[in-house]
C-alpha atoms as a PDB file:
ATOM      1  CA  MET A   1      98.832 125.909  95.569  1.00  0.00           C
ATOM      2  CA  PHE A   2     101.643 124.555  93.255  1.00  0.00           C
ATOM      3  CA  CYS A   3     105.184 127.132  94.435  1.00  0.00           C
ATOM      4  CA  GLN A   4     107.194 126.753  91.201  1.00  0.00           C
ATOM      5  CA  PRO A   5     105.947 125.383  87.526  1.00  0.00           C
ATOM      6  CA  PRO A   6     106.782 121.451  87.140  1.00  0.00           C
ATOM      7  CA  GLN A   7     109.524 120.194  85.276  1.00  0.00           C
ATOM      8  CA  LEU A   8     108.217 118.928  81.982  1.00  0.00           C
ATOM      9  CA  ARG A   9     111.870 116.741  81.705  1.00  0.00           C
ATOM     10  CA  THR A  10     113.424 114.921  84.609  1.00  0.00           C
ATOM     11  CA  THR A  11     115.694 112.525  84.980  1.00  0.00           C
ATOM     12  CA  ALA A  12     116.804 110.464  87.628  1.00  0.00           C
ATOM     13  CA  ARG A  13     119.732 108.139  88.790  1.00  0.00           C
ATOM     14  CA  LEU A  14     119.221 105.426  91.771  1.00  0.00           C
ATOM     15  CA  MET A  15     122.259 103.516  92.842  1.00  0.00           C
ATOM     16  CA  MET A  16     121.838  99.632  94.730  1.00  0.00           C
ATOM     17  CA  GLU A  17     124.349  98.481  96.228  1.00  0.00           C
ATOM     18  CA  VAL A  18     124.051  94.518  96.022  1.00  0.00           C
ATOM     19  CA  LYS A  19     123.361  92.723  99.744  1.00  0.00           C
ATOM     20  CA  ARG A  20     124.702  89.800  99.048  1.00  0.00           C
ATOM     21  CA  ASP A  21     125.640  87.453  96.198  1.00  0.00           C
ATOM     22  CA  GLY A  22     123.247  86.051  93.729  1.00  0.00           C
ATOM     23  CA  GLU A  23     121.465  86.195  90.335  1.00  0.00           C
ATOM     24  CA  LEU A  24     119.653  89.770  89.098  1.00  0.00           C
ATOM     25  CA  ARG A  25     116.343  88.694  86.959  1.00  0.00           C
ATOM     26  CA  GLY A  26     114.670  91.880  86.881  1.00  0.00           C
ATOM     27  CA  ALA A  27     113.247  94.796  88.634  1.00  0.00           C
ATOM     28  CA  CYS A  28     110.309  96.067  89.421  1.00  0.00           C
ATOM     29  CA  PHE A  29     109.378 100.064  90.534  1.00  0.00           C
ATOM     30  CA  PHE A  30     106.702 101.504  92.131  1.00  0.00           C
ATOM     31  CA  LEU A  31     105.188 105.317  92.276  1.00  0.00           C
ATOM     32  CA  ARG A  32     104.670 106.770  95.983  1.00  0.00           C
ATOM     33  CA  VAL A  33     103.014 110.519  95.632  1.00  0.00           C
ATOM     34  CA  TYR A  34     103.257 112.438  98.752  1.00  0.00           C
ATOM     35  CA  VAL A  35     100.060 114.754  99.101  1.00  0.00           C
ATOM     36  CA  ASP A  36     101.156 116.070 101.780  1.00  0.00           C
ATOM     37  CA  GLU A  37     103.736 115.336 105.530  1.00  0.00           C
ATOM     38  CA  THR A  38     101.530 112.199 106.475  1.00  0.00           C
ATOM     39  CA  ARG A  39      99.207 111.138 102.624  1.00  0.00           C
ATOM     40  CA  PHE A  40     100.779 109.119 100.304  1.00  0.00           C
ATOM     41  CA  VAL A  41      99.377 107.354  97.334  1.00  0.00           C
ATOM     42  CA  ASP A  42     101.331 103.673  96.789  1.00  0.00           C
ATOM     43  CA  SER A  43     101.363 102.202  93.886  1.00  0.00           C
ATOM     44  CA  TRP A  44     102.742  98.938  95.696  1.00  0.00           C
ATOM     45  CA  ALA A  45     100.357  98.914  98.248  1.00  0.00           C
ATOM     46  CA  SER A  46      96.643 100.451  96.960  1.00  0.00           C
ATOM     47  CA  HIS A  47      95.180  99.506  94.119  1.00  0.00           C
ATOM     48  CA  THR A  48      95.781 102.665  91.707  1.00  0.00           C
ATOM     49  CA  ALA A  49      95.543 103.603  88.646  1.00  0.00           C
ATOM     50  CA  TRP A  50      99.368 103.719  88.064  1.00  0.00           C
ATOM     51  CA  TYR A  51     100.944 100.739  85.721  1.00  0.00           C
ATOM     52  CA  THR A  52     103.396  99.034  87.995  1.00  0.00           C
ATOM     53  CA  PRO A  53     106.186  98.915  85.720  1.00  0.00           C
ATOM     54  CA  ASP A  54     109.395  96.149  85.573  1.00  0.00           C
ATOM     55  CA  ILE A  55     112.454  94.967  84.569  1.00  0.00           C
ATOM     56  CA  ARG A  56     112.846  91.624  83.270  1.00  0.00           C
ATOM     57  CA  LEU A  57     116.180  90.468  82.357  1.00  0.00           C
ATOM     58  CA  ARG A  58     117.506  88.415  78.955  1.00  0.00           C
ATOM     59  CA  ALA A  59     119.477  86.512  81.074  1.00  0.00           C
ATOM     60  CA  PRO A  60     120.314  86.289  85.026  1.00  0.00           C
ATOM     61  CA  VAL A  61     123.471  88.345  85.689  1.00  0.00           C
ATOM     62  CA  LEU A  62     125.792  87.169  88.927  1.00  0.00           C
ATOM     63  CA  VAL A  63     126.241  89.500  91.199  1.00  0.00           C
ATOM     64  CA  ARG A  64     128.313  89.809  94.487  1.00  0.00           C
ATOM     65  CA  LYS A  65     127.881  91.855  97.239  1.00  0.00           C
ATOM     66  CA  GLY A  66     129.282  94.953  96.733  1.00  0.00           C
ATOM     67  CA  ASP A  67     128.459  95.754  93.129  1.00  0.00           C
ATOM     68  CA  ILE A  68     126.254  98.553  91.969  1.00  0.00           C
ATOM     69  CA  VAL A  69     123.702  98.457  90.154  1.00  0.00           C
ATOM     70  CA  ASP A  70     122.586 101.979  88.525  1.00  0.00           C
ATOM     71  CA  CYS A  71     118.747 102.988  87.204  1.00  0.00           C
ATOM     72  CA  CYS A  72     118.591 106.141  85.086  1.00  0.00           C
ATOM     73  CA  ILE A  73     114.875 107.418  84.762  1.00  0.00           C
ATOM     74  CA  GLN A  74     113.556 109.679  82.447  1.00  0.00           C
ATOM     75  CA  SER A  75     110.533 111.229  81.778  1.00  0.00           C
ATOM     76  CA  ASP A  76     109.632 113.601  79.493  1.00  0.00           C
ATOM     77  CA  LEU A  77     105.797 114.993  79.648  1.00  0.00           C
ATOM     78  CA  SER A  78     106.195 118.163  77.134  1.00  0.00           C
ATOM     79  CA  GLY A  79     103.906 116.562  73.685  1.00  0.00           C
ATOM     80  CA  ASN A  80     103.251 112.957  73.846  1.00  0.00           C
ATOM     81  CA  PRO A  81     104.176 111.248  77.806  1.00  0.00           C
ATOM     82  CA  SER A  82     107.356 109.100  77.398  1.00  0.00           C
ATOM     83  CA  TYR A  83     108.997 107.120  79.777  1.00  0.00           C
ATOM     84  CA  SER A  84     112.391 105.032  79.664  1.00  0.00           C
ATOM     85  CA  MET A  85     114.409 103.605  82.676  1.00  0.00           C
ATOM     86  CA  GLN A  86     118.290 101.527  82.187  1.00  0.00           C
ATOM     87  CA  LEU A  87     119.959  99.093  84.102  1.00  0.00           C
ATOM     88  CA  ARG A  88     123.699  98.745  84.414  1.00  0.00           C
ATOM     89  CA  HIS A  89     125.760  96.630  86.792  1.00  0.00           C
ATOM     90  CA  ARG A  90     129.037  98.197  87.661  1.00  0.00           C
ATOM     91  CA  THR A  91     132.239  95.934  89.555  1.00  0.00           C
ATOM     92  CA  ASP A  92     135.165  96.014  89.630  1.00  0.00           C
ATOM     93  CA  GLY A  93     135.319  99.622  88.093  1.00  0.00           C
ATOM     94  CA  LEU A  94     133.044  97.714  85.161  1.00  0.00           C
ATOM     95  CA  ALA A  95     129.523  99.234  84.435  1.00  0.00           C
ATOM     96  CA  GLN A  96     127.495  97.257  81.785  1.00  0.00           C
ATOM     97  CA  GLU A  97     123.850  97.768  80.546  1.00  0.00           C
ATOM     98  CA  ILE A  98     121.769  94.680  81.906  1.00  0.00           C
ATOM     99  CA  GLY A  99     118.271  95.937  80.933  1.00  0.00           C
ATOM    100  CA  LYS A 100     116.013  98.751  79.839  1.00  0.00           C
ATOM    101  CA  TYR A 101     112.428  99.717  79.729  1.00  0.00           C
ATOM    102  CA  ALA A 102     110.750 102.198  77.521  1.00  0.00           C
ATOM    103  CA  TRP A 103     107.243 103.581  76.762  1.00  0.00           C
ATOM    104  CA  SER A 104     104.833 106.688  75.319  1.00  0.00           C
ATOM    105  CA  GLY A 105     101.597 107.352  74.906  1.00  0.00           C
ATOM    106  CA  ASP A 106      98.937 110.015  76.216  1.00  0.00           C
END
Protein backbone atom coordinates (compact mmCIF):
# COMPACT_ATOMS: atom_id res chain seq x y z
CA MET A 1 0.00 0.00 0.00
CA PHE A 2 1.04 3.54 -0.62
CA CYS A 3 1.70 5.46 2.59
CA GLN A 4 1.33 8.95 1.16
CA PRO A 5 -0.73 10.51 -1.62
CA PRO A 6 1.20 10.89 -4.88
CA GLN A 7 2.76 14.22 -5.77
CA LEU A 8 0.99 15.39 -8.92
CA ARG A 9 3.43 18.21 -9.70
CA THR A 10 7.17 17.56 -9.42
CA THR A 11 10.42 19.27 -10.30
CA ALA A 12 13.80 17.55 -10.25
CA ARG A 13 17.26 18.91 -11.03
CA LEU A 14 20.22 16.89 -12.21
CA MET A 15 23.68 18.45 -12.22
CA MET A 16 26.20 16.53 -14.32
CA GLU A 17 29.90 17.39 -14.46
CA VAL A 18 31.63 17.07 -17.83
CA LYS A 19 34.51 14.59 -17.47
CA ARG A 20 36.44 15.47 -20.67
CA ASP A 21 36.63 18.12 -23.37
CA GLY A 22 34.43 17.52 -26.39
CA GLU A 23 31.13 18.26 -28.10
CA LEU A 24 27.74 17.73 -26.47
CA ARG A 25 25.16 16.86 -29.11
CA GLY A 26 22.23 15.74 -26.97
CA ALA A 27 21.02 13.73 -24.01
CA CYS A 28 18.98 10.56 -23.60
CA PHE A 29 16.78 9.81 -20.61
CA PHE A 30 15.28 6.57 -19.36
CA LEU A 31 12.99 5.54 -16.54
CA ARG A 32 13.82 3.13 -13.72
CA VAL A 33 10.91 2.32 -11.37
CA TYR A 34 11.77 0.37 -8.24
CA VAL A 35 9.11 -2.15 -7.15
CA ASP A 36 11.09 -3.08 -4.04
CA GLU A 37 14.76 -3.14 -3.00
CA THR A 38 15.78 -5.71 -5.62
CA ARG A 39 13.16 -5.54 -8.40
CA PHE A 40 12.77 -2.69 -10.86
CA VAL A 41 11.51 -1.88 -14.34
CA ASP A 42 14.17 -0.28 -16.54
CA SER A 43 13.03 1.36 -19.81
CA TRP A 44 16.63 1.43 -21.12
CA ALA A 45 17.49 -2.24 -20.59
CA SER A 46 14.04 -3.80 -21.09
CA HIS A 47 11.25 -3.59 -23.63
CA THR A 48 8.54 -1.42 -22.07
CA ALA A 49 5.70 0.78 -23.30
CA TRP A 50 7.43 3.84 -21.80
CA TYR A 51 9.01 6.28 -24.18
CA THR A 52 12.74 7.00 -23.76
CA PRO A 53 13.00 10.71 -24.62
CA ASP A 54 16.08 12.24 -26.09
CA ILE A 55 17.01 15.87 -26.57
CA ARG A 56 18.99 16.63 -29.71
CA LEU A 57 20.70 19.98 -29.61
CA ARG A 58 20.24 22.29 -32.61
CA ALA A 59 24.01 22.63 -32.80
CA PRO A 60 26.81 20.84 -30.94
CA VAL A 61 27.98 22.61 -27.78
CA LEU A 62 31.68 22.71 -27.00
CA VAL A 63 32.22 21.52 -23.42
CA ARG A 64 35.31 21.38 -21.26
CA LYS A 65 36.25 19.15 -18.38
CA GLY A 66 34.67 20.60 -15.24
CA ASP A 67 31.74 22.31 -17.01
CA ILE A 68 28.27 21.56 -15.64
CA VAL A 69 25.21 20.41 -17.59
CA ASP A 70 22.12 21.25 -15.55
CA CYS A 71 18.89 19.41 -16.36
CA CYS A 72 15.54 20.54 -14.93
CA ILE A 73 12.70 18.01 -15.28
CA GLN A 74 9.10 18.99 -14.53
CA SER A 75 5.91 16.95 -14.57
CA ASP A 76 2.28 17.81 -13.94
CA LEU A 77 -0.16 14.91 -13.59
CA SER A 78 -3.00 16.93 -12.04
CA GLY A 79 -5.00 17.02 -15.29
CA ASN A 80 -3.81 16.35 -18.82
CA PRO A 81 -0.30 14.97 -18.09
CA SER A 82 2.61 17.14 -19.18
CA TYR A 83 6.35 16.76 -18.92
CA SER A 84 9.24 19.05 -19.80
CA MET A 85 13.03 19.09 -19.62
CA GLN A 86 15.47 21.94 -20.04
CA LEU A 87 19.24 21.59 -20.43
CA ARG A 88 21.62 24.39 -19.45
CA HIS A 89 25.38 24.51 -19.95
CA ARG A 90 27.35 26.19 -17.16
CA THR A 91 30.92 27.27 -17.81
CA ASP A 92 33.11 30.05 -16.40
CA GLY A 93 30.23 31.24 -14.18
CA LEU A 94 27.85 31.69 -17.14
CA ALA A 95 24.77 29.57 -17.90
CA GLN A 96 23.05 29.16 -21.26
CA GLU A 97 20.02 27.10 -22.28
CA ILE A 98 21.15 24.55 -24.84
CA GLY A 99 18.13 22.29 -25.26
CA LYS A 100 14.56 21.52 -24.24
CA TYR A 101 11.85 18.92 -24.65
CA ALA A 102 8.14 19.04 -23.82
CA TRP A 103 5.31 16.55 -24.09
CA SER A 104 1.66 16.52 -23.08
CA GLY A 105 -1.15 14.12 -23.70
CA ASP A 106 -3.47 11.66 -22.06
